[in-house]
Amino acid sequence: MAGGWSRDGAVNEQIEASIAEELARMKARRAPVGESLTHCADCDEPIPEARRQAIPGVKLCIDCAAERQGRELRRGGINRRGSKDSQLK
């Protein structure tokens, strides 16, 4: 597919580069850095040695990390103000 003055395939290359950059940015943001804590920052329970070695820089125990991930998933949703159904009521 030609895109004006660009060569064939340039659009796909740009899309793939954008996706690769975003994936790299997300991986860098999620990866904890620094020294792992011995006790959870939220509940002060001990963090197992295996977890501290597997994830360098970990700050939360497994239970608190799972709870936070669950909360993050629940935040997303439908904007009811913008939905057509809510305007009809």
Protein backbone atom coordinates (compact mmCIF):
# COMPACT_ATOMS: atom_id res chain seq x y z
CA MET A 1 0.00 0.00 0.00
CA ALA A 2 1.45 3.32 -1.03
CA GLY A 3 0.99 6.26 1.29
CA GLY A 4 1.62 9.43 -0.68
CA TRP A 5 5.35 10.16 -0.77
CA SER A 6 6.29 7.25 1.49
CA ARG A 7 7.67 4.00 0.15
CA ASP A 8 5.69 0.76 0.15
CA GLY A 9 5.47 -0.78 3.61
CA ALA A 10 6.47 2.41 5.46
CA VAL A 11 3.11 2.70 7.17
CA ASN A 12 3.28 -0.85 8.50
CA GLU A 13 6.86 -0.31 9.67
CA GLN A 14 5.77 2.80 11.57
CA ILE A 15 2.88 0.94 13.21
CA GLU A 16 5.16 -1.93 14.25
CA ALA A 17 7.74 0.51 15.61
CA SER A 18 5.07 2.32 17.62
CA ILE A 19 3.82 -0.95 19.09
CA ALA A 20 7.35 -2.08 19.98
CA GLU A 21 8.10 1.27 21.68
CA GLU A 22 4.88 1.13 23.71
CA LEU A 23 5.53 -2.45 24.80
CA ALA A 24 9.07 -1.53 25.88
CA ARG A 25 7.74 1.48 27.81
CA MET A 26 5.13 -0.65 29.59
CA LYS A 27 7.66 -3.32 30.52
CA ALA A 28 10.06 -0.72 31.89
CA ARG A 29 7.33 0.95 33.92
CA ARG A 30 6.04 -2.25 35.50
CA ALA A 31 9.42 -3.72 36.43
CA PRO A 32 10.34 -2.94 40.04
CA VAL A 33 13.86 -1.67 40.55
CA GLY A 34 16.17 -1.42 43.53
CA GLU A 35 16.46 -3.58 46.57
CA SER A 36 13.53 -5.76 47.59
CA LEU A 37 11.86 -5.16 50.92
CA THR A 38 11.85 -7.94 53.47
CA HIS A 39 8.35 -6.98 54.66
CA CYS A 40 5.32 -5.84 52.66
CA ALA A 41 4.88 -2.07 52.36
CA ASP A 42 1.09 -2.39 52.88
CA CYS A 43 0.48 -5.09 55.50
CA ASP A 44 4.00 -5.53 56.99
CA GLU A 45 3.91 -9.31 56.48
CA PRO A 46 7.24 -10.96 55.53
CA ILE A 47 7.87 -11.31 51.78
CA PRO A 48 9.15 -14.83 50.96
CA GLU A 49 12.79 -15.07 49.88
CA ALA A 50 11.83 -16.79 46.62
CA ARG A 51 9.61 -13.82 45.66
CA ARG A 52 12.34 -11.32 46.51
CA GLN A 53 14.83 -13.20 44.32
CA ALA A 54 12.36 -13.70 41.45
CA ILE A 55 11.30 -10.03 41.32
CA PRO A 56 14.14 -7.67 42.27
CA GLY A 57 12.76 -4.54 43.90
CA VAL A 58 9.46 -6.08 44.99
CA LYS A 59 7.65 -4.05 47.64
CA LEU A 60 4.41 -6.01 48.19
CA CYS A 61 3.55 -9.51 49.33
CA ILE A 62 1.60 -11.77 46.98
CA ASP A 63 -1.78 -11.07 48.64
CA CYS A 64 -1.41 -7.27 48.54
CA ALA A 65 -0.11 -7.35 44.96
CA ALA A 66 -3.08 -9.47 43.87
CA GLU A 67 -5.48 -7.12 45.65
CA ARG A 68 -4.00 -4.08 43.89
CA GLN A 69 -4.17 -5.78 40.50
CA GLY A 70 -7.81 -6.60 41.16
CA ARG A 71 -8.56 -2.99 42.02
CA GLU A 72 -6.86 -1.78 38.84
CA LEU A 73 -9.01 -4.10 36.74
CA ARG A 74 -12.20 -2.90 38.38
CA ARG A 75 -11.43 0.76 37.64
CA GLY A 76 -12.07 0.32 33.94
CA GLY A 77 -15.58 0.22 32.70
CA ILE A 78 -18.24 1.93 30.74
CA ASN A 79 -18.72 5.65 30.96
CA ARG A 80 -22.44 5.72 31.70
CA ARG A 81 -22.70 9.47 31.16
CA GLY A 82 -21.73 9.12 27.53
CA SER A 83 -23.87 6.10 26.79
CA LYS A 84 -26.98 6.53 24.72
CA ASP A 85 -29.12 4.53 27.17
CA SER A 86 -28.38 6.83 30.10
CA GLN A 87 -29.43 9.86 28.07
CA LEU A 88 -32.79 8.31 27.22
CA LYS A 89 -33.83 7.74 30.83
